[in-house]
N, C-alpha and C. Protein backbone atom coordinates (compact mmCIF):
# COMPACT_ATOMS: atom_id res chain seq x y z
N MET A 1 0.85 -1.19 0.00
CA MET A 1 0.00 0.00 0.00
C MET A 1 0.90 1.25 0.00
N ASN A 2 0.73 2.13 -1.02
CA ASN A 2 1.57 3.32 -1.09
C ASN A 2 1.01 4.43 -0.21
N CYS A 3 1.75 5.55 -0.17
CA CYS A 3 1.38 6.63 0.74
C CYS A 3 0.02 7.23 0.40
N TRP A 4 -0.33 7.27 -0.89
CA TRP A 4 -1.61 7.86 -1.29
C TRP A 4 -2.78 6.99 -0.86
N GLU A 5 -2.59 5.69 -0.91
CA GLU A 5 -3.64 4.78 -0.47
C GLU A 5 -3.85 4.89 1.04
N VAL A 6 -2.75 5.06 1.78
CA VAL A 6 -2.85 5.23 3.23
C VAL A 6 -3.59 6.52 3.57
N LEU A 7 -3.29 7.59 2.82
CA LEU A 7 -3.93 8.88 3.08
C LEU A 7 -5.34 8.94 2.50
N GLY A 8 -5.65 8.04 1.59
CA GLY A 8 -6.99 8.00 1.02
C GLY A 8 -7.25 9.07 -0.02
N ILE A 9 -6.22 9.53 -0.73
CA ILE A 9 -6.40 10.54 -1.77
C ILE A 9 -5.59 10.16 -3.00
N GLU A 10 -5.90 10.85 -4.10
CA GLU A 10 -5.13 10.65 -5.33
C GLU A 10 -3.79 11.38 -5.21
N PRO A 11 -2.77 10.94 -5.94
CA PRO A 11 -1.47 11.63 -5.90
C PRO A 11 -1.63 13.11 -6.23
N THR A 12 -1.00 13.96 -5.44
CA THR A 12 -1.12 15.40 -5.63
C THR A 12 0.11 16.08 -5.03
N GLU A 13 0.42 17.29 -5.53
CA GLU A 13 1.49 18.09 -4.95
C GLU A 13 0.92 19.19 -4.04
N ASP A 14 -0.39 19.19 -3.86
CA ASP A 14 -1.05 20.19 -3.02
C ASP A 14 -0.86 19.82 -1.55
N ARG A 15 0.07 20.50 -0.87
CA ARG A 15 0.39 20.16 0.52
C ARG A 15 -0.82 20.32 1.44
N GLN A 16 -1.63 21.35 1.19
CA GLN A 16 -2.80 21.57 2.04
C GLN A 16 -3.77 20.40 1.95
N ARG A 17 -3.95 19.88 0.73
CA ARG A 17 -4.85 18.75 0.56
C ARG A 17 -4.29 17.50 1.25
N ILE A 18 -2.96 17.33 1.14
CA ILE A 18 -2.32 16.19 1.81
C ILE A 18 -2.48 16.31 3.32
N GLN A 19 -2.28 17.51 3.83
CA GLN A 19 -2.39 17.71 5.28
C GLN A 19 -3.81 17.48 5.77
N LEU A 20 -4.81 17.94 5.02
CA LEU A 20 -6.21 17.72 5.40
C LEU A 20 -6.54 16.23 5.43
N ALA A 21 -6.03 15.51 4.42
CA ALA A 21 -6.27 14.06 4.38
C ALA A 21 -5.61 13.38 5.56
N TYR A 22 -4.39 13.80 5.87
CA TYR A 22 -3.66 13.24 7.01
C TYR A 22 -4.42 13.47 8.32
N GLU A 23 -4.86 14.71 8.53
CA GLU A 23 -5.56 15.03 9.78
C GLU A 23 -6.88 14.28 9.88
N GLN A 24 -7.60 14.14 8.77
CA GLN A 24 -8.87 13.43 8.78
C GLN A 24 -8.68 11.96 9.15
N GLN A 25 -7.66 11.33 8.56
CA GLN A 25 -7.39 9.92 8.83
C GLN A 25 -6.88 9.72 10.26
N LEU A 26 -6.16 10.71 10.79
CA LEU A 26 -5.52 10.58 12.09
C LEU A 26 -6.52 10.61 13.24
N LYS A 27 -7.70 11.19 13.01
CA LYS A 27 -8.67 11.38 14.10
C LYS A 27 -9.02 10.06 14.79
N PHE A 28 -9.15 8.99 14.03
CA PHE A 28 -9.59 7.73 14.61
C PHE A 28 -8.56 6.62 14.39
N ALA A 29 -7.31 7.03 14.19
CA ALA A 29 -6.26 6.04 13.94
C ALA A 29 -5.71 5.49 15.25
N SER A 30 -5.39 4.20 15.25
CA SER A 30 -4.73 3.60 16.40
C SER A 30 -3.25 3.97 16.35
N GLY A 31 -2.48 3.51 17.35
CA GLY A 31 -1.06 3.84 17.39
C GLY A 31 -0.32 3.38 16.17
N GLU A 32 -0.53 2.13 15.74
CA GLU A 32 0.16 1.62 14.56
C GLU A 32 -0.29 2.34 13.30
N GLU A 33 -1.60 2.62 13.20
CA GLU A 33 -2.12 3.32 12.03
C GLU A 33 -1.58 4.74 11.97
N ALA A 34 -1.42 5.38 13.15
CA ALA A 34 -0.89 6.75 13.19
C ALA A 34 0.54 6.78 12.67
N GLU A 35 1.34 5.74 13.01
CA GLU A 35 2.71 5.67 12.52
C GLU A 35 2.73 5.53 10.99
N LYS A 36 1.82 4.71 10.46
CA LYS A 36 1.75 4.56 9.00
C LYS A 36 1.36 5.88 8.34
N LEU A 37 0.44 6.60 8.98
CA LEU A 37 0.02 7.89 8.43
C LEU A 37 1.18 8.89 8.44
N ASP A 38 1.96 8.87 9.54
CA ASP A 38 3.12 9.77 9.61
C ASP A 38 4.10 9.49 8.47
N ARG A 39 4.38 8.21 8.25
CA ARG A 39 5.30 7.85 7.17
C ARG A 39 4.73 8.24 5.81
N ALA A 40 3.42 8.00 5.64
CA ALA A 40 2.77 8.34 4.37
C ALA A 40 2.81 9.84 4.12
N PHE A 41 2.59 10.62 5.18
CA PHE A 41 2.62 12.08 5.03
C PHE A 41 4.00 12.56 4.63
N ARG A 42 5.03 12.03 5.30
CA ARG A 42 6.40 12.44 4.97
C ARG A 42 6.76 12.05 3.53
N GLU A 43 6.31 10.85 3.13
CA GLU A 43 6.60 10.41 1.77
C GLU A 43 5.87 11.28 0.75
N ALA A 44 4.61 11.62 1.04
CA ALA A 44 3.81 12.39 0.10
C ALA A 44 4.30 13.83 -0.03
N THR A 45 4.89 14.35 1.03
CA THR A 45 5.36 15.75 1.02
C THR A 45 6.87 15.84 0.84
N GLY A 46 7.50 14.74 0.49
CA GLY A 46 8.92 14.77 0.24
C GLY A 46 9.76 14.91 1.48
N GLY A 47 9.28 14.34 2.58
CA GLY A 47 10.04 14.36 3.82
C GLY A 47 9.83 15.61 4.65
N ALA A 48 8.84 16.44 4.30
CA ALA A 48 8.57 17.65 5.08
C ALA A 48 8.05 17.27 6.45
N PRO A 49 8.30 18.08 7.48
CA PRO A 49 7.81 17.76 8.84
C PRO A 49 6.30 17.59 8.83
N LYS A 50 5.85 16.61 9.58
CA LYS A 50 4.41 16.35 9.64
C LYS A 50 3.73 17.44 10.48
N PRO A 51 2.45 17.72 10.19
CA PRO A 51 1.73 18.74 10.97
C PRO A 51 1.42 18.21 12.36
N GLU A 52 1.12 19.11 13.26
CA GLU A 52 0.70 18.69 14.59
C GLU A 52 -0.63 17.97 14.50
N ALA A 53 -0.83 17.02 15.44
CA ALA A 53 -2.07 16.25 15.45
C ALA A 53 -3.24 17.20 15.64
N PRO A 54 -4.38 16.96 14.96
CA PRO A 54 -5.53 17.84 15.10
C PRO A 54 -6.09 17.78 16.51
N GLN A 55 -6.55 18.89 17.00
CA GLN A 55 -7.11 18.96 18.34
C GLN A 55 -8.59 18.64 18.31
N ALA A 56 -9.03 17.80 19.25
CA ALA A 56 -10.45 17.49 19.35
C ALA A 56 -11.21 18.63 19.98
N SER A 57 -10.50 19.47 20.73
CA SER A 57 -11.15 20.55 21.46
C SER A 57 -11.63 21.63 20.51
N VAL A 58 -12.90 22.03 20.66
CA VAL A 58 -13.45 23.10 19.85
C VAL A 58 -12.80 24.42 20.21
N SER A 59 -12.56 24.66 21.50
CA SER A 59 -12.05 25.95 21.95
C SER A 59 -10.61 26.18 21.54
N ASP A 60 -9.85 25.11 21.21
CA ASP A 60 -8.45 25.24 20.84
C ASP A 60 -8.25 25.48 19.35
N GLN A 61 -9.34 25.57 18.59
CA GLN A 61 -9.21 25.76 17.16
C GLN A 61 -8.76 27.19 16.85
N ALA A 62 -8.49 27.46 15.59
CA ALA A 62 -8.04 28.77 15.16
C ALA A 62 -9.12 29.81 15.43
N PRO A 63 -8.75 31.09 15.44
CA PRO A 63 -9.72 32.15 15.69
C PRO A 63 -10.89 32.13 14.72
N GLU A 64 -10.75 31.41 13.61
CA GLU A 64 -11.83 31.32 12.64
C GLU A 64 -13.11 30.78 13.26
N THR A 65 -13.00 30.06 14.39
CA THR A 65 -14.17 29.46 15.00
C THR A 65 -15.17 30.50 15.47
N ASP A 66 -14.72 31.74 15.65
CA ASP A 66 -15.62 32.77 16.16
C ASP A 66 -16.40 33.47 15.05
N ARG A 67 -16.11 33.17 13.82
CA ARG A 67 -16.79 33.86 12.74
C ARG A 67 -18.22 33.36 12.58
N VAL A 68 -19.03 34.16 11.92
CA VAL A 68 -20.43 33.80 11.66
C VAL A 68 -20.47 32.80 10.52
N LEU A 69 -21.31 31.78 10.67
CA LEU A 69 -21.41 30.75 9.63
C LEU A 69 -22.11 31.31 8.40
N ASP A 70 -21.70 30.82 7.24
CA ASP A 70 -22.41 31.21 6.03
C ASP A 70 -23.66 30.36 5.87
N ALA A 71 -24.42 30.60 4.82
CA ALA A 71 -25.71 29.93 4.64
C ALA A 71 -25.53 28.42 4.49
N ASN A 72 -24.51 28.01 3.77
CA ASN A 72 -24.27 26.58 3.54
C ASN A 72 -23.91 25.88 4.85
N GLU A 73 -23.06 26.52 5.64
CA GLU A 73 -22.65 25.93 6.92
C GLU A 73 -23.83 25.87 7.90
N SER A 74 -24.66 26.90 7.89
CA SER A 74 -25.84 26.90 8.76
C SER A 74 -26.79 25.77 8.38
N GLN A 75 -26.90 25.50 7.08
CA GLN A 75 -27.75 24.39 6.62
C GLN A 75 -27.18 23.06 7.08
N ILE A 76 -25.87 22.91 7.05
CA ILE A 76 -25.23 21.68 7.53
C ILE A 76 -25.52 21.48 9.01
N VAL A 77 -25.44 22.55 9.79
CA VAL A 77 -25.73 22.46 11.22
C VAL A 77 -27.16 21.98 11.43
N ARG A 78 -28.12 22.57 10.70
CA ARG A 78 -29.53 22.17 10.85
C ARG A 78 -29.71 20.70 10.52
N GLU A 79 -29.06 20.24 9.46
CA GLU A 79 -29.22 18.84 9.04
C GLU A 79 -28.63 17.89 10.09
N VAL A 80 -27.47 18.25 10.64
CA VAL A 80 -26.85 17.40 11.65
C VAL A 80 -27.71 17.35 12.90
N VAL A 81 -28.24 18.48 13.33
CA VAL A 81 -29.09 18.52 14.53
C VAL A 81 -30.34 17.68 14.31
N ILE A 82 -30.91 17.73 13.11
CA ILE A 82 -32.09 16.91 12.79
C ILE A 82 -31.73 15.42 12.87
N GLN A 83 -30.56 15.06 12.33
CA GLN A 83 -30.13 13.66 12.37
C GLN A 83 -29.91 13.18 13.81
N ILE A 84 -29.34 14.05 14.65
CA ILE A 84 -29.11 13.68 16.05
C ILE A 84 -30.44 13.52 16.79
N ASN A 85 -31.38 14.41 16.54
CA ASN A 85 -32.70 14.29 17.18
C ASN A 85 -33.39 12.99 16.76
N ALA A 86 -33.26 12.63 15.48
CA ALA A 86 -33.83 11.36 15.02
C ALA A 86 -33.12 10.18 15.68
N LEU A 87 -31.81 10.30 15.85
CA LEU A 87 -31.04 9.24 16.49
C LEU A 87 -31.47 9.05 17.94
N LEU A 88 -31.73 10.14 18.64
CA LEU A 88 -32.14 10.05 20.04
C LEU A 88 -33.50 9.39 20.20
N ASN A 89 -34.31 9.42 19.15
CA ASN A 89 -35.62 8.78 19.20
C ASN A 89 -35.55 7.28 18.93
N ASP A 90 -34.37 6.80 18.60
CA ASP A 90 -34.16 5.36 18.35
C ASP A 90 -33.23 4.84 19.46
N SER A 91 -33.81 4.22 20.47
CA SER A 91 -33.04 3.81 21.65
C SER A 91 -31.93 2.82 21.30
N GLY A 92 -32.14 2.01 20.27
CA GLY A 92 -31.12 1.03 19.90
C GLY A 92 -29.94 1.68 19.20
N ARG A 93 -30.21 2.48 18.16
CA ARG A 93 -29.14 3.10 17.39
C ARG A 93 -28.41 4.17 18.19
N SER A 94 -29.10 4.82 19.13
CA SER A 94 -28.46 5.89 19.89
C SER A 94 -27.40 5.37 20.84
N ARG A 95 -27.34 4.06 21.06
CA ARG A 95 -26.32 3.46 21.93
C ARG A 95 -25.08 3.04 21.15
N ASP A 96 -25.09 3.25 19.84
CA ASP A 96 -23.98 2.85 18.97
C ASP A 96 -23.08 4.06 18.72
N VAL A 97 -21.91 4.08 19.34
CA VAL A 97 -21.02 5.24 19.19
C VAL A 97 -20.57 5.41 17.75
N GLY A 98 -20.55 4.33 16.96
CA GLY A 98 -20.15 4.43 15.57
C GLY A 98 -21.10 5.30 14.75
N ILE A 99 -22.39 5.24 15.08
CA ILE A 99 -23.38 6.06 14.37
C ILE A 99 -23.19 7.53 14.72
N TRP A 100 -22.91 7.81 16.00
CA TRP A 100 -22.65 9.19 16.41
C TRP A 100 -21.45 9.75 15.65
N LYS A 101 -20.40 8.94 15.55
CA LYS A 101 -19.20 9.40 14.84
C LYS A 101 -19.49 9.63 13.36
N ALA A 102 -20.29 8.74 12.77
CA ALA A 102 -20.60 8.86 11.35
C ALA A 102 -21.34 10.16 11.06
N ILE A 103 -22.20 10.58 11.98
CA ILE A 103 -22.97 11.81 11.78
C ILE A 103 -22.12 13.05 12.06
N LEU A 104 -21.45 13.05 13.20
CA LEU A 104 -20.76 14.27 13.65
C LEU A 104 -19.40 14.48 12.99
N CYS A 105 -18.75 13.41 12.57
CA CYS A 105 -17.39 13.53 12.04
C CYS A 105 -17.35 13.58 10.51
N GLU A 106 -18.51 13.52 9.89
CA GLU A 106 -18.55 13.53 8.43
C GLU A 106 -18.28 14.95 7.91
N PRO A 107 -17.27 15.13 7.06
CA PRO A 107 -17.03 16.47 6.51
C PRO A 107 -18.25 16.94 5.71
N PRO A 108 -18.57 18.23 5.74
CA PRO A 108 -17.84 19.31 6.44
C PRO A 108 -18.35 19.57 7.86
N ALA A 109 -19.15 18.64 8.42
CA ALA A 109 -19.65 18.86 9.78
C ALA A 109 -18.54 18.85 10.81
N ASP A 110 -17.36 18.31 10.43
CA ASP A 110 -16.26 18.24 11.38
C ASP A 110 -15.42 19.51 11.41
N GLN A 111 -15.71 20.46 10.52
CA GLN A 111 -14.96 21.71 10.51
C GLN A 111 -15.24 22.51 11.78
N ALA A 112 -14.21 23.17 12.29
CA ALA A 112 -14.29 23.81 13.60
C ALA A 112 -15.48 24.74 13.78
N PRO A 113 -15.74 25.68 12.87
CA PRO A 113 -16.87 26.59 13.10
C PRO A 113 -18.20 25.87 13.13
N VAL A 114 -18.35 24.87 12.25
CA VAL A 114 -19.60 24.11 12.18
C VAL A 114 -19.76 23.26 13.44
N ARG A 115 -18.68 22.60 13.84
CA ARG A 115 -18.72 21.75 15.02
C ARG A 115 -19.07 22.57 16.27
N ARG A 116 -18.51 23.76 16.33
CA ARG A 116 -18.77 24.64 17.48
C ARG A 116 -20.25 24.99 17.57
N GLU A 117 -20.86 25.29 16.43
CA GLU A 117 -22.29 25.64 16.45
C GLU A 117 -23.16 24.42 16.74
N ILE A 118 -22.76 23.27 16.22
CA ILE A 118 -23.50 22.03 16.52
C ILE A 118 -23.45 21.75 18.02
N ALA A 119 -22.26 21.92 18.61
CA ALA A 119 -22.12 21.71 20.05
C ALA A 119 -23.02 22.64 20.83
N ARG A 120 -23.08 23.89 20.40
CA ARG A 120 -23.92 24.87 21.11
C ARG A 120 -25.39 24.49 21.06
N GLN A 121 -25.84 24.02 19.88
CA GLN A 121 -27.27 23.69 19.73
C GLN A 121 -27.64 22.37 20.42
N LEU A 122 -26.70 21.46 20.51
CA LEU A 122 -27.00 20.15 21.11
C LEU A 122 -26.76 20.12 22.62
N GLU A 123 -26.00 21.07 23.12
CA GLU A 123 -25.55 20.99 24.52
C GLU A 123 -26.71 20.89 25.50
N ARG A 124 -27.74 21.73 25.34
CA ARG A 124 -28.83 21.74 26.31
C ARG A 124 -29.58 20.42 26.36
N GLN A 125 -29.69 19.74 25.21
CA GLN A 125 -30.44 18.48 25.16
C GLN A 125 -29.57 17.26 25.39
N VAL A 126 -28.42 17.21 24.72
CA VAL A 126 -27.62 15.99 24.71
C VAL A 126 -26.69 15.88 25.91
N ARG A 127 -26.11 17.00 26.32
CA ARG A 127 -25.14 16.93 27.42
C ARG A 127 -25.74 16.37 28.71
N PRO A 128 -26.96 16.80 29.13
CA PRO A 128 -27.55 16.19 30.34
C PRO A 128 -27.77 14.68 30.20
N MET A 129 -28.11 14.22 28.99
CA MET A 129 -28.32 12.78 28.78
C MET A 129 -27.01 12.02 28.96
N ALA A 130 -25.92 12.62 28.49
CA ALA A 130 -24.61 11.98 28.66
C ALA A 130 -24.18 12.01 30.12
N GLU A 131 -24.56 13.07 30.84
CA GLU A 131 -24.15 13.21 32.23
C GLU A 131 -24.92 12.27 33.16
N ASN A 132 -26.21 12.05 32.88
CA ASN A 132 -27.02 11.25 33.81
C ASN A 132 -27.06 9.76 33.46
N GLY A 133 -26.29 9.35 32.47
CA GLY A 133 -26.21 7.92 32.15
C GLY A 133 -27.25 7.45 31.15
N SER A 134 -28.02 8.36 30.56
CA SER A 134 -29.00 7.94 29.55
C SER A 134 -28.31 7.43 28.29
N LEU A 135 -27.09 7.89 28.06
CA LEU A 135 -26.29 7.40 26.93
C LEU A 135 -25.16 6.54 27.47
N PRO A 136 -24.79 5.47 26.77
CA PRO A 136 -23.72 4.58 27.25
C PRO A 136 -22.38 5.30 27.33
N ALA A 137 -21.48 4.76 28.13
CA ALA A 137 -20.19 5.40 28.39
C ALA A 137 -19.39 5.70 27.12
N PRO A 138 -19.30 4.79 26.12
CA PRO A 138 -18.52 5.13 24.93
C PRO A 138 -19.06 6.36 24.19
N VAL A 139 -20.40 6.48 24.15
CA VAL A 139 -21.00 7.64 23.50
C VAL A 139 -20.70 8.91 24.29
N ALA A 140 -20.87 8.85 25.62
CA ALA A 140 -20.60 10.01 26.47
C ALA A 140 -19.15 10.44 26.35
N GLN A 141 -18.24 9.46 26.31
CA GLN A 141 -16.82 9.78 26.22
C GLN A 141 -16.50 10.43 24.87
N PHE A 142 -17.09 9.90 23.79
CA PHE A 142 -16.86 10.50 22.47
C PHE A 142 -17.37 11.94 22.43
N LEU A 143 -18.59 12.17 22.96
CA LEU A 143 -19.15 13.52 22.95
C LEU A 143 -18.30 14.48 23.79
N GLY A 144 -17.80 13.97 24.92
CA GLY A 144 -16.95 14.80 25.76
C GLY A 144 -15.68 15.22 25.02
N ASP A 145 -15.08 14.27 24.28
CA ASP A 145 -13.86 14.57 23.52
C ASP A 145 -14.16 15.49 22.34
N TRP A 146 -15.23 15.18 21.62
CA TRP A 146 -15.52 15.87 20.36
C TRP A 146 -15.95 17.32 20.59
N PHE A 147 -16.77 17.54 21.62
CA PHE A 147 -17.30 18.88 21.89
C PHE A 147 -16.60 19.57 23.06
N GLU A 148 -15.59 18.91 23.63
CA GLU A 148 -14.87 19.41 24.80
C GLU A 148 -15.82 19.66 25.97
N TRP A 149 -16.70 18.71 26.21
CA TRP A 149 -17.52 18.73 27.42
C TRP A 149 -16.71 17.94 28.45
N SER A 150 -15.74 18.61 29.04
CA SER A 150 -14.67 17.94 29.79
C SER A 150 -15.19 17.14 30.98
N ASN A 151 -16.26 17.58 31.64
CA ASN A 151 -16.70 16.87 32.84
C ASN A 151 -17.25 15.48 32.51
N LEU A 152 -17.55 15.21 31.25
CA LEU A 152 -18.07 13.89 30.89
C LEU A 152 -17.02 12.82 31.11
N GLN A 153 -15.75 13.15 30.96
CA GLN A 153 -14.67 12.18 31.19
C GLN A 153 -14.72 11.68 32.63
N ASP A 154 -14.87 12.62 33.57
CA ASP A 154 -14.91 12.24 34.98
C ASP A 154 -16.14 11.41 35.28
N ILE A 155 -17.26 11.77 34.66
CA ILE A 155 -18.51 11.04 34.91
C ILE A 155 -18.40 9.61 34.40
N VAL A 156 -17.77 9.44 33.22
CA VAL A 156 -17.61 8.09 32.66
C VAL A 156 -16.77 7.23 33.59
N VAL A 157 -15.68 7.79 34.12
CA VAL A 157 -14.82 7.03 35.03
C VAL A 157 -15.58 6.66 36.30
N GLN A 158 -16.32 7.61 36.87
CA GLN A 158 -17.07 7.34 38.10
C GLN A 158 -18.15 6.30 37.87
N ALA A 159 -18.75 6.33 36.66
CA ALA A 159 -19.82 5.38 36.37
C ALA A 159 -19.29 3.96 36.21
N GLU A 160 -18.02 3.84 35.76
CA GLU A 160 -17.44 2.52 35.54
C GLU A 160 -16.97 1.88 36.85
N GLU A 161 -16.55 2.70 37.82
CA GLU A 161 -16.01 2.15 39.06
C GLU A 161 -17.01 1.32 39.85
N PRO A 162 -18.27 1.79 40.08
CA PRO A 162 -19.21 0.95 40.83
C PRO A 162 -19.50 -0.37 40.16
N ARG A 163 -19.55 -0.35 38.80
CA ARG A 163 -19.80 -1.60 38.10
C ARG A 163 -18.67 -2.59 38.33
N SER A 164 -17.44 -2.08 38.38
CA SER A 164 -16.30 -2.95 38.62
C SER A 164 -16.36 -3.53 40.03
N GLY A 165 -16.68 -2.67 41.01
CA GLY A 165 -16.80 -3.14 42.39
C GLY A 165 -17.91 -4.14 42.55
N SER A 166 -19.01 -3.90 41.85
CA SER A 166 -20.14 -4.82 41.94
C SER A 166 -19.77 -6.17 41.38
N ALA A 167 -18.98 -6.17 40.30
CA ALA A 167 -18.56 -7.45 39.71
C ALA A 167 -17.70 -8.23 40.69
N GLU A 168 -16.84 -7.51 41.44
CA GLU A 168 -15.99 -8.19 42.41
C GLU A 168 -16.83 -8.78 43.53
N ILE A 169 -17.85 -8.03 43.98
CA ILE A 169 -18.73 -8.53 45.04
C ILE A 169 -19.48 -9.76 44.57
N ASP A 170 -19.97 -9.71 43.32
CA ASP A 170 -20.69 -10.86 42.78
C ASP A 170 -19.79 -12.07 42.72
N ALA A 171 -18.50 -11.87 42.35
CA ALA A 171 -17.57 -12.99 42.27
C ALA A 171 -17.33 -13.58 43.65
N GLU A 172 -17.22 -12.69 44.67
CA GLU A 172 -17.00 -13.19 46.03
C GLU A 172 -18.20 -13.99 46.51
N GLU A 173 -19.40 -13.49 46.19
CA GLU A 173 -20.60 -14.21 46.61
C GLU A 173 -20.68 -15.57 45.92
N ALA A 174 -20.22 -15.61 44.66
CA ALA A 174 -20.28 -16.88 43.94
C ALA A 174 -19.34 -17.91 44.56
N ASP A 175 -18.24 -17.43 45.20
CA ASP A 175 -17.28 -18.34 45.81
C ASP A 175 -17.74 -18.85 47.18
N GLN A 176 -18.74 -18.22 47.77
CA GLN A 176 -19.20 -18.64 49.08
C GLN A 176 -19.96 -19.96 48.98
N PRO A 177 -19.81 -20.85 49.99
CA PRO A 177 -20.56 -22.11 49.95
C PRO A 177 -22.05 -21.83 50.13
N PRO A 178 -22.89 -22.66 49.58
CA PRO A 178 -24.34 -22.45 49.72
C PRO A 178 -24.76 -22.53 51.19
N GLN A 179 -25.68 -21.65 51.55
CA GLN A 179 -26.16 -21.61 52.92
C GLN A 179 -27.17 -22.74 53.17
N LEU A 180 -27.04 -23.39 54.34
CA LEU A 180 -27.98 -24.46 54.70
C LEU A 180 -29.32 -23.85 55.09
N VAL A 181 -30.36 -24.48 54.62
CA VAL A 181 -31.71 -24.00 54.93
C VAL A 181 -32.20 -24.68 56.20
N ASN A 182 -32.73 -23.92 57.09
CA ASN A 182 -33.26 -24.48 58.34
C ASN A 182 -34.63 -25.10 58.06
N PHE A 183 -34.62 -26.43 57.88
CA PHE A 183 -35.86 -27.11 57.52
C PHE A 183 -36.50 -27.85 58.70
N TRP A 184 -35.90 -27.74 59.89
CA TRP A 184 -36.44 -28.49 61.03
C TRP A 184 -37.86 -28.08 61.40
N PRO A 185 -38.21 -26.80 61.39
CA PRO A 185 -39.60 -26.47 61.72
C PRO A 185 -40.60 -27.16 60.80
N ALA A 186 -40.24 -27.25 59.53
CA ALA A 186 -41.15 -27.90 58.58
C ALA A 186 -41.26 -29.39 58.88
N VAL A 187 -40.12 -30.02 59.22
CA VAL A 187 -40.15 -31.46 59.52
C VAL A 187 -40.99 -31.74 60.77
N ILE A 188 -40.78 -30.90 61.79
CA ILE A 188 -41.54 -31.10 63.04
C ILE A 188 -43.03 -30.92 62.79
N GLY A 189 -43.38 -29.93 62.00
CA GLY A 189 -44.79 -29.71 61.68
C GLY A 189 -45.38 -30.89 60.93
N TRP A 190 -44.56 -31.47 60.04
CA TRP A 190 -45.03 -32.63 59.26
C TRP A 190 -45.27 -33.83 60.17
N ILE A 191 -44.34 -34.06 61.14
CA ILE A 191 -44.49 -35.18 62.08
C ILE A 191 -45.72 -35.00 62.96
N VAL A 192 -45.90 -33.76 63.44
CA VAL A 192 -47.08 -33.50 64.29
C VAL A 192 -48.36 -33.74 63.50
N GLY A 193 -48.36 -33.32 62.22
CA GLY A 193 -49.55 -33.53 61.39
C GLY A 193 -49.84 -35.01 61.21
N LEU A 194 -48.79 -35.81 61.01
CA LEU A 194 -48.99 -37.25 60.85
C LEU A 194 -49.54 -37.87 62.13
N ALA A 195 -49.02 -37.39 63.27
CA ALA A 195 -49.48 -37.92 64.56
C ALA A 195 -50.96 -37.63 64.77
N ILE A 196 -51.36 -36.41 64.39
CA ILE A 196 -52.78 -36.05 64.54
C ILE A 196 -53.65 -36.90 63.64
N LEU A 197 -53.19 -37.10 62.39
CA LEU A 197 -53.97 -37.94 61.48
C LEU A 197 -54.07 -39.38 61.97
N ALA A 198 -52.94 -39.90 62.48
CA ALA A 198 -52.95 -41.27 63.00
C ALA A 198 -53.90 -41.39 64.18
N SER A 199 -53.90 -40.38 65.03
CA SER A 199 -54.80 -40.39 66.19
C SER A 199 -56.25 -40.39 65.76
N LEU A 200 -56.55 -39.57 64.75
CA LEU A 200 -57.95 -39.50 64.28
C LEU A 200 -58.40 -40.80 63.67
N PHE A 201 -57.53 -41.35 62.77
CA PHE A 201 -57.91 -42.61 62.12
C PHE A 201 -57.94 -43.76 63.12
N GLY A 202 -57.02 -43.69 64.11
CA GLY A 202 -57.03 -44.74 65.15
C GLY A 202 -58.32 -44.69 65.96
N GLY A 203 -58.79 -43.47 66.26
CA GLY A 203 -60.04 -43.34 67.03
C GLY A 203 -61.21 -43.84 66.23
N MET A 204 -61.19 -43.57 64.95
CA MET A 204 -62.30 -44.03 64.11
C MET A 204 -62.30 -45.57 64.01
N GLY A 205 -61.09 -46.19 63.93
CA GLY A 205 -61.04 -47.65 63.85
C GLY A 205 -61.50 -48.28 65.15
N GLY A 206 -61.12 -47.68 66.31
CA GLY A 206 -61.54 -48.24 67.58
C GLY A 206 -63.04 -48.14 67.76
N GLY A 207 -63.61 -47.06 67.24
CA GLY A 207 -65.06 -46.88 67.40
C GLY A 207 -65.83 -47.92 66.61
N GLY A 208 -65.26 -48.43 65.50
CA GLY A 208 -65.94 -49.40 64.65
C GLY A 208 -65.92 -50.73 65.30
């Protein structure tokens, strides 16, 4: 696989295009994939230094994030918000972090100014759901990273700890020997009942 295949673009001398492709691929790359992307970028640009990794934080983007969106960008924001609202109405699909990524990370919705406005419009509705556990931890963690809702990271960690402790308790209980059931009262009651029945039938036989 050559450098262009790794970057996912046709061969070009346009450094800006190469850098955009590199940053887009790097967002969800694992450690090994990131190394391949670095090599591909250097090869595609003739050994030029690779750009800094893109920041997930909306607030750390260039000053361009403060500009007013144009009509096309505003339409993209509306479409993404509509898709997220539809996703929230589907309890099954809304638990799939891959679907969230497919909607929010699809260009040009991933551009800083657009992402910032999407975050602003979704925050009042979606952020409380991520905070109170209505959304699963992977989704909450992704939203926290993508929109820089930093407190979601802490909430995800706190939510995972009780489950871990509970699993340990369950394992300890499973190792305990079964408790003996106190069945003597039932046995005594059964014997007394038999004695009463024997007495009754014995009295009836004697009377005959």
